[in-house]
Amino acid sequence: MDALTISLITLTAIMLVTTYLSYRQGNEKRDVGLMGVLTGLFGVGSLFAFIG
């Protein structure tokens, strides 16, 4: 794996934990939803970087 793939996987994991903690804390649903969408986009980017 190259540096880009490792960086994207790390960023995805951090965003996933942040989204979960934000949900547990009771933040606005639209904010948690936006963070979830961004986490999904980072996950898809990680997948493409891993495959390509």
N, C-alpha and C. Protein backbone atom coordinates (compact mmCIF):
# COMPACT_ATOMS: atom_id res chain seq x y z
N MET A 1 0.84 -1.18 0.00
CA MET A 1 0.00 0.00 0.00
C MET A 1 0.89 1.24 0.00
N ASP A 2 0.43 2.22 -0.73
CA ASP A 2 1.21 3.47 -0.76
C ASP A 2 0.71 4.43 0.32
N ALA A 3 1.34 5.57 0.39
CA ALA A 3 1.04 6.54 1.45
C ALA A 3 -0.37 7.10 1.32
N LEU A 4 -0.86 7.27 0.10
CA LEU A 4 -2.21 7.81 -0.10
C LEU A 4 -3.27 6.86 0.46
N THR A 5 -3.11 5.59 0.20
CA THR A 5 -4.08 4.61 0.68
C THR A 5 -4.09 4.56 2.21
N ILE A 6 -2.93 4.55 2.80
CA ILE A 6 -2.86 4.50 4.27
C ILE A 6 -3.46 5.77 4.87
N SER A 7 -3.19 6.90 4.26
CA SER A 7 -3.75 8.17 4.75
C SER A 7 -5.27 8.18 4.66
N LEU A 8 -5.81 7.70 3.54
CA LEU A 8 -7.27 7.69 3.38
C LEU A 8 -7.94 6.71 4.33
N ILE A 9 -7.33 5.56 4.55
CA ILE A 9 -7.89 4.59 5.49
C ILE A 9 -7.88 5.16 6.91
N THR A 10 -6.80 5.83 7.28
CA THR A 10 -6.71 6.45 8.60
C THR A 10 -7.75 7.55 8.75
N LEU A 11 -7.89 8.38 7.73
CA LEU A 11 -8.88 9.46 7.77
C LEU A 11 -10.30 8.91 7.86
N THR A 12 -10.56 7.83 7.15
CA THR A 12 -11.89 7.20 7.21
C THR A 12 -12.17 6.68 8.61
N ALA A 13 -11.20 6.03 9.22
CA ALA A 13 -11.39 5.50 10.57
C ALA A 13 -11.62 6.62 11.58
N ILE A 14 -10.87 7.69 11.46
CA ILE A 14 -11.03 8.83 12.38
C ILE A 14 -12.40 9.47 12.20
N MET A 15 -12.83 9.64 10.95
CA MET A 15 -14.15 10.22 10.69
C MET A 15 -15.27 9.31 11.21
N LEU A 16 -15.08 8.00 11.09
CA LEU A 16 -16.10 7.07 11.59
C LEU A 16 -16.25 7.18 13.10
N VAL A 17 -15.14 7.24 13.81
CA VAL A 17 -15.18 7.38 15.27
C VAL A 17 -15.78 8.73 15.65
N THR A 18 -15.40 9.78 14.94
CA THR A 18 -15.92 11.11 15.23
C THR A 18 -17.43 11.17 15.00
N THR A 19 -17.89 10.55 13.93
CA THR A 19 -19.33 10.53 13.65
C THR A 19 -20.08 9.78 14.73
N TYR A 20 -19.54 8.65 15.16
CA TYR A 20 -20.18 7.87 16.21
C TYR A 20 -20.25 8.66 17.53
N LEU A 21 -19.14 9.29 17.89
CA LEU A 21 -19.14 10.07 19.14
C LEU A 21 -20.07 11.27 19.05
N SER A 22 -20.16 11.88 17.87
CA SER A 22 -21.07 13.00 17.67
C SER A 22 -22.52 12.54 17.80
N TYR A 23 -22.81 11.36 17.29
CA TYR A 23 -24.17 10.81 17.40
C TYR A 23 -24.51 10.51 18.86
N ARG A 24 -23.57 9.93 19.58
CA ARG A 24 -23.80 9.61 20.99
C ARG A 24 -23.97 10.84 21.84
N GLN A 25 -23.30 11.92 21.45
CA GLN A 25 -23.36 13.16 22.22
C GLN A 25 -24.70 13.86 22.00
N GLY A 26 -25.38 13.55 20.93
CA GLY A 26 -26.69 14.13 20.67
C GLY A 26 -26.65 15.39 19.82
N ASN A 27 -25.68 15.49 18.93
CA ASN A 27 -25.61 16.66 18.05
C ASN A 27 -26.76 16.66 17.05
N GLU A 28 -26.90 17.74 16.32
CA GLU A 28 -27.96 17.86 15.32
C GLU A 28 -27.89 16.70 14.33
N LYS A 29 -29.06 16.19 13.95
CA LYS A 29 -29.09 15.04 13.05
C LYS A 29 -28.52 15.39 11.68
N ARG A 30 -28.72 16.62 11.23
CA ARG A 30 -28.19 16.99 9.92
C ARG A 30 -26.67 17.04 9.94
N ASP A 31 -26.09 17.45 11.07
CA ASP A 31 -24.63 17.48 11.19
C ASP A 31 -24.05 16.07 11.21
N VAL A 32 -24.70 15.19 11.96
CA VAL A 32 -24.24 13.80 12.03
C VAL A 32 -24.41 13.14 10.66
N GLY A 33 -25.49 13.45 9.97
CA GLY A 33 -25.71 12.91 8.63
C GLY A 33 -24.65 13.37 7.65
N LEU A 34 -24.30 14.64 7.72
CA LEU A 34 -23.26 15.17 6.83
C LEU A 34 -21.91 14.50 7.12
N MET A 35 -21.61 14.31 8.39
CA MET A 35 -20.36 13.63 8.74
C MET A 35 -20.39 12.18 8.26
N GLY A 36 -21.56 11.55 8.32
CA GLY A 36 -21.69 10.18 7.81
C GLY A 36 -21.47 10.10 6.32
N VAL A 37 -22.01 11.09 5.59
CA VAL A 37 -21.81 11.13 4.14
C VAL A 37 -20.33 11.32 3.81
N LEU A 38 -19.67 12.23 4.51
CA LEU A 38 -18.25 12.45 4.28
C LEU A 38 -17.43 11.21 4.61
N THR A 39 -17.81 10.50 5.66
CA THR A 39 -17.12 9.26 6.01
C THR A 39 -17.28 8.24 4.89
N GLY A 40 -18.48 8.14 4.34
CA GLY A 40 -18.72 7.23 3.23
C GLY A 40 -17.90 7.59 2.00
N LEU A 41 -17.79 8.89 1.71
CA LEU A 41 -16.99 9.32 0.56
C LEU A 41 -15.51 9.00 0.77
N PHE A 42 -15.02 9.22 1.99
CA PHE A 42 -13.63 8.86 2.28
C PHE A 42 -13.44 7.35 2.17
N GLY A 43 -14.45 6.58 2.57
CA GLY A 43 -14.37 5.13 2.45
C GLY A 43 -14.31 4.68 1.00
N VAL A 44 -15.12 5.29 0.16
CA VAL A 44 -15.10 4.95 -1.27
C VAL A 44 -13.76 5.36 -1.89
N GLY A 45 -13.25 6.53 -1.51
CA GLY A 45 -11.94 6.95 -1.97
C GLY A 45 -10.84 5.99 -1.54
N SER A 46 -10.94 5.50 -0.33
CA SER A 46 -9.97 4.51 0.16
C SER A 46 -10.04 3.22 -0.65
N LEU A 47 -11.24 2.81 -0.97
CA LEU A 47 -11.41 1.59 -1.75
C LEU A 47 -10.80 1.75 -3.14
N PHE A 48 -11.08 2.87 -3.79
CA PHE A 48 -10.50 3.11 -5.12
C PHE A 48 -8.98 3.23 -5.07
N ALA A 49 -8.46 3.85 -4.03
CA ALA A 49 -7.01 3.97 -3.90
C ALA A 49 -6.38 2.60 -3.64
N PHE A 50 -7.08 1.74 -2.91
CA PHE A 50 -6.57 0.42 -2.62
C PHE A 50 -6.58 -0.46 -3.87
N ILE A 51 -7.66 -0.36 -4.65
CA ILE A 51 -7.79 -1.19 -5.86
C ILE A 51 -6.84 -0.67 -6.96
N GLY A 52 -6.81 0.65 -7.13
CA GLY A 52 -6.04 1.24 -8.23
C GLY A 52 -4.67 1.40 -7.84
